[in-house]
PDB file of N, CA and C in Angstrom:
ATOM      1  N   MET A   1      -2.404  16.629  -7.340  1.00  0.00           N
ATOM      2  CA  MET A   1      -2.145  15.647  -6.304  1.00  0.00           C
ATOM      3  C   MET A   1      -2.222  16.360  -4.946  1.00  0.00           C
ATOM      4  N   ASN A   2      -2.976  15.789  -4.020  1.00  0.00           N
ATOM      5  CA  ASN A   2      -3.105  16.419  -2.705  1.00  0.00           C
ATOM      6  C   ASN A   2      -2.050  15.863  -1.732  1.00  0.00           C
ATOM      7  N   GLU A   3      -1.999  16.464  -0.551  1.00  0.00           N
ATOM      8  CA  GLU A   3      -0.965  16.107   0.421  1.00  0.00           C
ATOM      9  C   GLU A   3      -1.078  14.650   0.875  1.00  0.00           C
ATOM     10  N   THR A   4      -2.301  14.177   1.083  1.00  0.00           N
ATOM     11  CA  THR A   4      -2.485  12.778   1.504  1.00  0.00           C
ATOM     12  C   THR A   4      -1.943  11.830   0.450  1.00  0.00           C
ATOM     13  N   GLU A   5      -2.269  12.091  -0.815  1.00  0.00           N
ATOM     14  CA  GLU A   5      -1.788  11.233  -1.898  1.00  0.00           C
ATOM     15  C   GLU A   5      -0.266  11.258  -1.980  1.00  0.00           C
ATOM     16  N   GLU A   6       0.323  12.437  -1.787  1.00  0.00           N
ATOM     17  CA  GLU A   6       1.782  12.540  -1.808  1.00  0.00           C
ATOM     18  C   GLU A   6       2.409  11.721  -0.684  1.00  0.00           C
ATOM     19  N   GLN A   7       1.813  11.790   0.518  1.00  0.00           N
ATOM     20  CA  GLN A   7       2.334  11.031   1.654  1.00  0.00           C
ATOM     21  C   GLN A   7       2.203   9.529   1.420  1.00  0.00           C
ATOM     22  N   VAL A   8       1.063   9.097   0.890  1.00  0.00           N
ATOM     23  CA  VAL A   8       0.849   7.669   0.612  1.00  0.00           C
ATOM     24  C   VAL A   8       1.859   7.191  -0.421  1.00  0.00           C
ATOM     25  N   LEU A   9       2.010   7.928  -1.508  1.00  0.00           N
ATOM     26  CA  LEU A   9       2.955   7.522  -2.554  1.00  0.00           C
ATOM     27  C   LEU A   9       4.384   7.463  -2.023  1.00  0.00           C
ATOM     28  N   SER A  10       4.742   8.411  -1.167  1.00  0.00           N
ATOM     29  CA  SER A  10       6.084   8.424  -0.587  1.00  0.00           C
ATOM     30  C   SER A  10       6.328   7.169   0.247  1.00  0.00           C
ATOM     31  N   LEU A  11       5.347   6.794   1.050  1.00  0.00           N
ATOM     32  CA  LEU A  11       5.510   5.597   1.880  1.00  0.00           C
ATOM     33  C   LEU A  11       5.495   4.322   1.037  1.00  0.00           C
ATOM     34  N   LEU A  12       4.661   4.286   0.005  1.00  0.00           N
ATOM     35  CA  LEU A  12       4.662   3.115  -0.877  1.00  0.00           C
ATOM     36  C   LEU A  12       6.011   2.978  -1.577  1.00  0.00           C
ATOM     37  N   ASP A  13       6.624   4.114  -1.936  1.00  0.00           N
ATOM     38  CA  ASP A  13       7.949   4.070  -2.557  1.00  0.00           C
ATOM     39  C   ASP A  13       9.003   3.503  -1.614  1.00  0.00           C
ATOM     40  N   LYS A  14       8.789   3.671  -0.304  1.00  0.00           N
ATOM     41  CA  LYS A  14       9.747   3.128   0.669  1.00  0.00           C
ATOM     42  C   LYS A  14       9.640   1.608   0.805  1.00  0.00           C
ATOM     43  N   VAL A  15       8.431   1.056   0.617  1.00  0.00           N
ATOM     44  CA  VAL A  15       8.278  -0.399   0.723  1.00  0.00           C
ATOM     45  C   VAL A  15       8.452  -1.109  -0.621  1.00  0.00           C
ATOM     46  N   ARG A  16       8.348  -0.350  -1.700  1.00  0.00           N
ATOM     47  CA  ARG A  16       8.436  -0.948  -3.036  1.00  0.00           C
ATOM     48  C   ARG A  16       9.695  -1.795  -3.243  1.00  0.00           C
ATOM     49  N   PRO A  17      10.888  -1.344  -2.820  1.00  0.00           N
ATOM     50  CA  PRO A  17      12.085  -2.176  -3.052  1.00  0.00           C
ATOM     51  C   PRO A  17      11.972  -3.577  -2.443  1.00  0.00           C
ATOM     52  N   TYR A  18      11.302  -3.696  -1.313  1.00  0.00           N
ATOM     53  CA  TYR A  18      11.145  -5.010  -0.674  1.00  0.00           C
ATOM     54  C   TYR A  18      10.191  -5.884  -1.477  1.00  0.00           C
ATOM     55  N   LEU A  19       9.156  -5.277  -2.019  1.00  0.00           N
ATOM     56  CA  LEU A  19       8.211  -6.029  -2.854  1.00  0.00           C
ATOM     57  C   LEU A  19       8.874  -6.455  -4.159  1.00  0.00           C
ATOM     58  N   VAL A  20       9.611  -5.534  -4.770  1.00  0.00           N
ATOM     59  CA  VAL A  20      10.286  -5.818  -6.038  1.00  0.00           C
ATOM     60  C   VAL A  20      11.333  -6.915  -5.850  1.00  0.00           C
ATOM     61  N   ARG A  21      12.016  -6.892  -4.723  1.00  0.00           N
ATOM     62  CA  ARG A  21      13.033  -7.906  -4.431  1.00  0.00           C
ATOM     63  C   ARG A  21      12.435  -9.313  -4.475  1.00  0.00           C
ATOM     64  N   ASP A  22      11.157  -9.403  -4.065  1.00  0.00           N
ATOM     65  CA  ASP A  22      10.478 -10.702  -4.072  1.00  0.00           C
ATOM     66  C   ASP A  22       9.648 -10.929  -5.332  1.00  0.00           C
ATOM     67  N   GLY A  23       9.839 -10.074  -6.337  1.00  0.00           N
ATOM     68  CA  GLY A  23       9.157 -10.267  -7.615  1.00  0.00           C
ATOM     69  C   GLY A  23       7.786  -9.616  -7.706  1.00  0.00           C
ATOM     70  N   GLY A  24       7.481  -8.717  -6.787  1.00  0.00           N
ATOM     71  CA  GLY A  24       6.170  -8.070  -6.802  1.00  0.00           C
ATOM     72  C   GLY A  24       6.268  -6.573  -6.948  1.00  0.00           C
ATOM     73  N   ASP A  25       5.133  -5.918  -6.814  1.00  0.00           N
ATOM     74  CA  ASP A  25       5.074  -4.466  -6.854  1.00  0.00           C
ATOM     75  C   ASP A  25       3.703  -4.030  -6.342  1.00  0.00           C
ATOM     76  N   ILE A  26       3.530  -2.731  -6.149  1.00  0.00           N
ATOM     77  CA  ILE A  26       2.273  -2.175  -5.654  1.00  0.00           C
ATOM     78  C   ILE A  26       1.975  -0.906  -6.433  1.00  0.00           C
ATOM     79  N   GLU A  27       0.700  -0.705  -6.731  1.00  0.00           N
ATOM     80  CA  GLU A  27       0.270   0.489  -7.448  1.00  0.00           C
ATOM     81  C   GLU A  27      -0.878   1.130  -6.681  1.00  0.00           C
ATOM     82  N   LEU A  28      -0.805   2.437  -6.472  1.00  0.00           N
ATOM     83  CA  LEU A  28      -1.895   3.177  -5.850  1.00  0.00           C
ATOM     84  C   LEU A  28      -2.975   3.402  -6.898  1.00  0.00           C
ATOM     85  N   LEU A  29      -4.189   2.956  -6.604  1.00  0.00           N
ATOM     86  CA  LEU A  29      -5.304   3.158  -7.527  1.00  0.00           C
ATOM     87  C   LEU A  29      -6.082   4.423  -7.196  1.00  0.00           C
ATOM     88  N   LYS A  30      -6.446   4.566  -5.915  1.00  0.00           N
ATOM     89  CA  LYS A  30      -7.190   5.757  -5.499  1.00  0.00           C
ATOM     90  C   LYS A  30      -7.230   5.810  -3.980  1.00  0.00           C
ATOM     91  N   ILE A  31      -7.598   6.981  -3.478  1.00  0.00           N
ATOM     92  CA  ILE A  31      -7.857   7.172  -2.051  1.00  0.00           C
ATOM     93  C   ILE A  31      -9.256   7.758  -1.965  1.00  0.00           C
ATOM     94  N   GLU A  32     -10.119   7.058  -1.272  1.00  0.00           N
ATOM     95  CA  GLU A  32     -11.517   7.477  -1.200  1.00  0.00           C
ATOM     96  C   GLU A  32     -12.041   7.302   0.221  1.00  0.00           C
ATOM     97  N   ASP A  33     -12.525   8.388   0.820  1.00  0.00           N
ATOM     98  CA  ASP A  33     -13.082   8.355   2.172  1.00  0.00           C
ATOM     99  C   ASP A  33     -12.118   7.739   3.190  1.00  0.00           C
ATOM    100  N   GLY A  34     -10.835   8.026   3.048  1.00  0.00           N
ATOM    101  CA  GLY A  34      -9.833   7.537   3.982  1.00  0.00           C
ATOM    102  C   GLY A  34      -9.315   6.141   3.706  1.00  0.00           C
ATOM    103  N   VAL A  35      -9.862   5.484   2.694  1.00  0.00           N
ATOM    104  CA  VAL A  35      -9.426   4.139   2.341  1.00  0.00           C
ATOM    105  C   VAL A  35      -8.482   4.226   1.145  1.00  0.00           C
ATOM    106  N   VAL A  36      -7.323   3.599   1.285  1.00  0.00           N
ATOM    107  CA  VAL A  36      -6.328   3.566   0.219  1.00  0.00           C
ATOM    108  C   VAL A  36      -6.532   2.272  -0.576  1.00  0.00           C
ATOM    109  N   TYR A  37      -6.803   2.423  -1.855  1.00  0.00           N
ATOM    110  CA  TYR A  37      -7.013   1.265  -2.732  1.00  0.00           C
ATOM    111  C   TYR A  37      -5.742   1.051  -3.542  1.00  0.00           C
ATOM    112  N   VAL A  38      -5.212  -0.170  -3.465  1.00  0.00           N
ATOM    113  CA  VAL A  38      -3.980  -0.501  -4.166  1.00  0.00           C
ATOM    114  C   VAL A  38      -4.185  -1.752  -5.014  1.00  0.00           C
ATOM    115  N   LYS A  39      -3.279  -1.923  -5.952  1.00  0.00           N
ATOM    116  CA  LYS A  39      -3.248  -3.146  -6.757  1.00  0.00           C
ATOM    117  C   LYS A  39      -1.898  -3.799  -6.513  1.00  0.00           C
ATOM    118  N   MET A  40      -1.939  -5.042  -6.066  1.00  0.00           N
ATOM    119  CA  MET A  40      -0.710  -5.792  -5.862  1.00  0.00           C
ATOM    120  C   MET A  40      -0.391  -6.496  -7.180  1.00  0.00           C
ATOM    121  N   MET A  41       0.872  -6.435  -7.586  1.00  0.00           N
ATOM    122  CA  MET A  41       1.247  -6.967  -8.895  1.00  0.00           C
ATOM    123  C   MET A  41       2.388  -7.964  -8.784  1.00  0.00           C
ATOM    124  N   GLY A  42       2.618  -8.647  -9.888  1.00  0.00           N
ATOM    125  CA  GLY A  42       3.704  -9.614  -9.950  1.00  0.00           C
ATOM    126  C   GLY A  42       3.498 -10.740  -8.955  1.00  0.00           C
ATOM    127  N   ALA A  43       4.562 -11.118  -8.268  1.00  0.00           N
ATOM    128  CA  ALA A  43       4.510 -12.227  -7.313  1.00  0.00           C
ATOM    129  C   ALA A  43       3.600 -11.925  -6.129  1.00  0.00           C
ATOM    130  N   CYS A  44       3.327 -10.656  -5.866  1.00  0.00           N
ATOM    131  CA  CYS A  44       2.446 -10.286  -4.745  1.00  0.00           C
ATOM    132  C   CYS A  44       0.991 -10.663  -5.035  1.00  0.00           C
ATOM    133  N   ASP A  45       0.604 -10.622  -6.299  1.00  0.00           N
ATOM    134  CA  ASP A  45      -0.766 -10.939  -6.677  1.00  0.00           C
ATOM    135  C   ASP A  45      -0.997 -12.434  -6.486  1.00  0.00           C
ATOM    136  N   GLY A  46      -1.804 -12.783  -5.504  1.00  0.00           N
ATOM    137  CA  GLY A  46      -2.096 -14.186  -5.236  1.00  0.00           C
ATOM    138  C   GLY A  46      -1.161 -14.843  -4.228  1.00  0.00           C
ATOM    139  N   CYS A  47      -0.194 -14.112  -3.726  1.00  0.00           N
ATOM    140  CA  CYS A  47       0.732 -14.662  -2.732  1.00  0.00           C
ATOM    141  C   CYS A  47      -0.014 -14.978  -1.440  1.00  0.00           C
ATOM    142  N   ILE A  48       0.335 -16.079  -0.805  1.00  0.00           N
ATOM    143  CA  ILE A  48      -0.361 -16.469   0.429  1.00  0.00           C
ATOM    144  C   ILE A  48      -0.064 -15.521   1.585  1.00  0.00           C
ATOM    145  N   ALA A  49       1.024 -14.775   1.508  1.00  0.00           N
ATOM    146  CA  ALA A  49       1.393 -13.857   2.583  1.00  0.00           C
ATOM    147  C   ALA A  49       0.897 -12.432   2.331  1.00  0.00           C
ATOM    148  N   ILE A  50       0.122 -12.216   1.278  1.00  0.00           N
ATOM    149  CA  ILE A  50      -0.272 -10.855   0.925  1.00  0.00           C
ATOM    150  C   ILE A  50      -1.101 -10.191   2.010  1.00  0.00           C
ATOM    151  N   ASP A  51      -1.967 -10.930   2.683  1.00  0.00           N
ATOM    152  CA  ASP A  51      -2.777 -10.323   3.736  1.00  0.00           C
ATOM    153  C   ASP A  51      -1.904  -9.791   4.864  1.00  0.00           C
ATOM    154  N   ILE A  52      -0.867 -10.529   5.211  1.00  0.00           N
ATOM    155  CA  ILE A  52       0.058 -10.089   6.255  1.00  0.00           C
ATOM    156  C   ILE A  52       0.830  -8.865   5.778  1.00  0.00           C
ATOM    157  N   THR A  53       1.336  -8.919   4.564  1.00  0.00           N
ATOM    158  CA  THR A  53       2.075  -7.786   4.007  1.00  0.00           C
ATOM    159  C   THR A  53       1.195  -6.543   3.954  1.00  0.00           C
ATOM    160  N   LEU A  54      -0.031  -6.720   3.498  1.00  0.00           N
ATOM    161  CA  LEU A  54      -0.932  -5.587   3.316  1.00  0.00           C
ATOM    162  C   LEU A  54      -1.398  -5.005   4.639  1.00  0.00           C
ATOM    163  N   LYS A  55      -1.856  -5.852   5.560  1.00  0.00           N
ATOM    164  CA  LYS A  55      -2.447  -5.363   6.811  1.00  0.00           C
ATOM    165  C   LYS A  55      -1.400  -5.050   7.879  1.00  0.00           C
ATOM    166  N   GLU A  56      -0.467  -5.963   8.096  1.00  0.00           N
ATOM    167  CA  GLU A  56       0.526  -5.779   9.159  1.00  0.00           C
ATOM    168  C   GLU A  56       1.672  -4.867   8.737  1.00  0.00           C
ATOM    169  N   GLY A  57       1.898  -4.743   7.456  1.00  0.00           N
ATOM    170  CA  GLY A  57       2.996  -3.905   6.982  1.00  0.00           C
ATOM    171  C   GLY A  57       2.516  -2.586   6.422  1.00  0.00           C
ATOM    172  N   ILE A  58       1.936  -2.632   5.243  1.00  0.00           N
ATOM    173  CA  ILE A  58       1.568  -1.414   4.522  1.00  0.00           C
ATOM    174  C   ILE A  58       0.475  -0.634   5.241  1.00  0.00           C
ATOM    175  N   GLU A  59      -0.599  -1.309   5.645  1.00  0.00           N
ATOM    176  CA  GLU A  59      -1.690  -0.594   6.306  1.00  0.00           C
ATOM    177  C   GLU A  59      -1.237   0.033   7.619  1.00  0.00           C
ATOM    178  N   ARG A  60      -0.519  -0.723   8.413  1.00  0.00           N
ATOM    179  CA  ARG A  60      -0.038  -0.197   9.699  1.00  0.00           C
ATOM    180  C   ARG A  60       0.828   1.042   9.488  1.00  0.00           C
ATOM    181  N   MET A  61       1.722   0.981   8.518  1.00  0.00           N
ATOM    182  CA  MET A  61       2.610   2.101   8.230  1.00  0.00           C
ATOM    183  C   MET A  61       1.804   3.336   7.800  1.00  0.00           C
ATOM    184  N   LEU A  62       0.806   3.145   6.951  1.00  0.00           N
ATOM    185  CA  LEU A  62      -0.001   4.273   6.490  1.00  0.00           C
ATOM    186  C   LEU A  62      -0.857   4.848   7.613  1.00  0.00           C
ATOM    187  N   LEU A  63      -1.448   3.973   8.443  1.00  0.00           N
ATOM    188  CA  LEU A  63      -2.273   4.447   9.557  1.00  0.00           C
ATOM    189  C   LEU A  63      -1.456   5.290  10.533  1.00  0.00           C
ATOM    190  N   GLU A  64      -0.215   4.895  10.755  1.00  0.00           N
ATOM    191  CA  GLU A  64       0.648   5.594  11.711  1.00  0.00           C
ATOM    192  C   GLU A  64       1.218   6.896  11.161  1.00  0.00           C
ATOM    193  N   ASN A  65       1.301   7.010   9.838  1.00  0.00           N
ATOM    194  CA  ASN A  65       2.033   8.136   9.258  1.00  0.00           C
ATOM    195  C   ASN A  65       1.223   9.096   8.397  1.00  0.00           C
ATOM    196  N   VAL A  66       0.029   8.705   7.989  1.00  0.00           N
ATOM    197  CA  VAL A  66      -0.757   9.562   7.102  1.00  0.00           C
ATOM    198  C   VAL A  66      -2.105   9.873   7.757  1.00  0.00           C
ATOM    199  N   PRO A  67      -2.273  11.112   8.211  1.00  0.00           N
ATOM    200  CA  PRO A  67      -3.548  11.495   8.838  1.00  0.00           C
ATOM    201  C   PRO A  67      -4.724  11.295   7.877  1.00  0.00           C
ATOM    202  N   GLY A  68      -5.800  10.723   8.410  1.00  0.00           N
ATOM    203  CA  GLY A  68      -6.995  10.535   7.610  1.00  0.00           C
ATOM    204  C   GLY A  68      -7.135   9.170   6.979  1.00  0.00           C
ATOM    205  N   VAL A  69      -6.048   8.419   6.899  1.00  0.00           N
ATOM    206  CA  VAL A  69      -6.129   7.067   6.327  1.00  0.00           C
ATOM    207  C   VAL A  69      -6.721   6.133   7.386  1.00  0.00           C
ATOM    208  N   ILE A  70      -7.746   5.374   6.983  1.00  0.00           N
ATOM    209  CA  ILE A  70      -8.412   4.460   7.918  1.00  0.00           C
ATOM    210  C   ILE A  70      -8.274   2.992   7.521  1.00  0.00           C
ATOM    211  N   GLY A  71      -7.715   2.737   6.331  1.00  0.00           N
ATOM    212  CA  GLY A  71      -7.546   1.357   5.922  1.00  0.00           C
ATOM    213  C   GLY A  71      -6.952   1.245   4.538  1.00  0.00           C
ATOM    214  N   VAL A  72      -6.571   0.016   4.188  1.00  0.00           N
ATOM    215  CA  VAL A  72      -6.010  -0.280   2.869  1.00  0.00           C
ATOM    216  C   VAL A  72      -6.739  -1.484   2.309  1.00  0.00           C
ATOM    217  N   VAL A  73      -7.117  -1.403   1.046  1.00  0.00           N
ATOM    218  CA  VAL A  73      -7.815  -2.486   0.362  1.00  0.00           C
ATOM    219  C   VAL A  73      -7.081  -2.783  -0.941  1.00  0.00           C
ATOM    220  N   SER A  74      -6.872  -4.069  -1.195  1.00  0.00           N
ATOM    221  CA  SER A  74      -6.250  -4.486  -2.452  1.00  0.00           C
ATOM    222  C   SER A  74      -7.349  -4.901  -3.412  1.00  0.00           C
ATOM    223  N   LEU A  75      -7.329  -4.303  -4.599  1.00  0.00           N
ATOM    224  CA  LEU A  75      -8.323  -4.644  -5.640  1.00  0.00           C
ATOM    225  C   LEU A  75      -7.695  -5.511  -6.711  1.00  0.00           C
TER     226      LEU A  75
END
């Protein structure tokens, strides 16, 4: 595991309790060329607010805190 992956996982662990509280979860699939690929699970999968959660919450947090990250994509 490299430093970027460790930083991403650490930050995802910080938001996970909020997702779990609402019946969802997030899984890191891979990091490729600065893009973090995640899988949204449970209530998050298909939620109408997922774009806001992903872009305004998770992506913003990763862009501000993890050097080299340029975006987040949910698969």
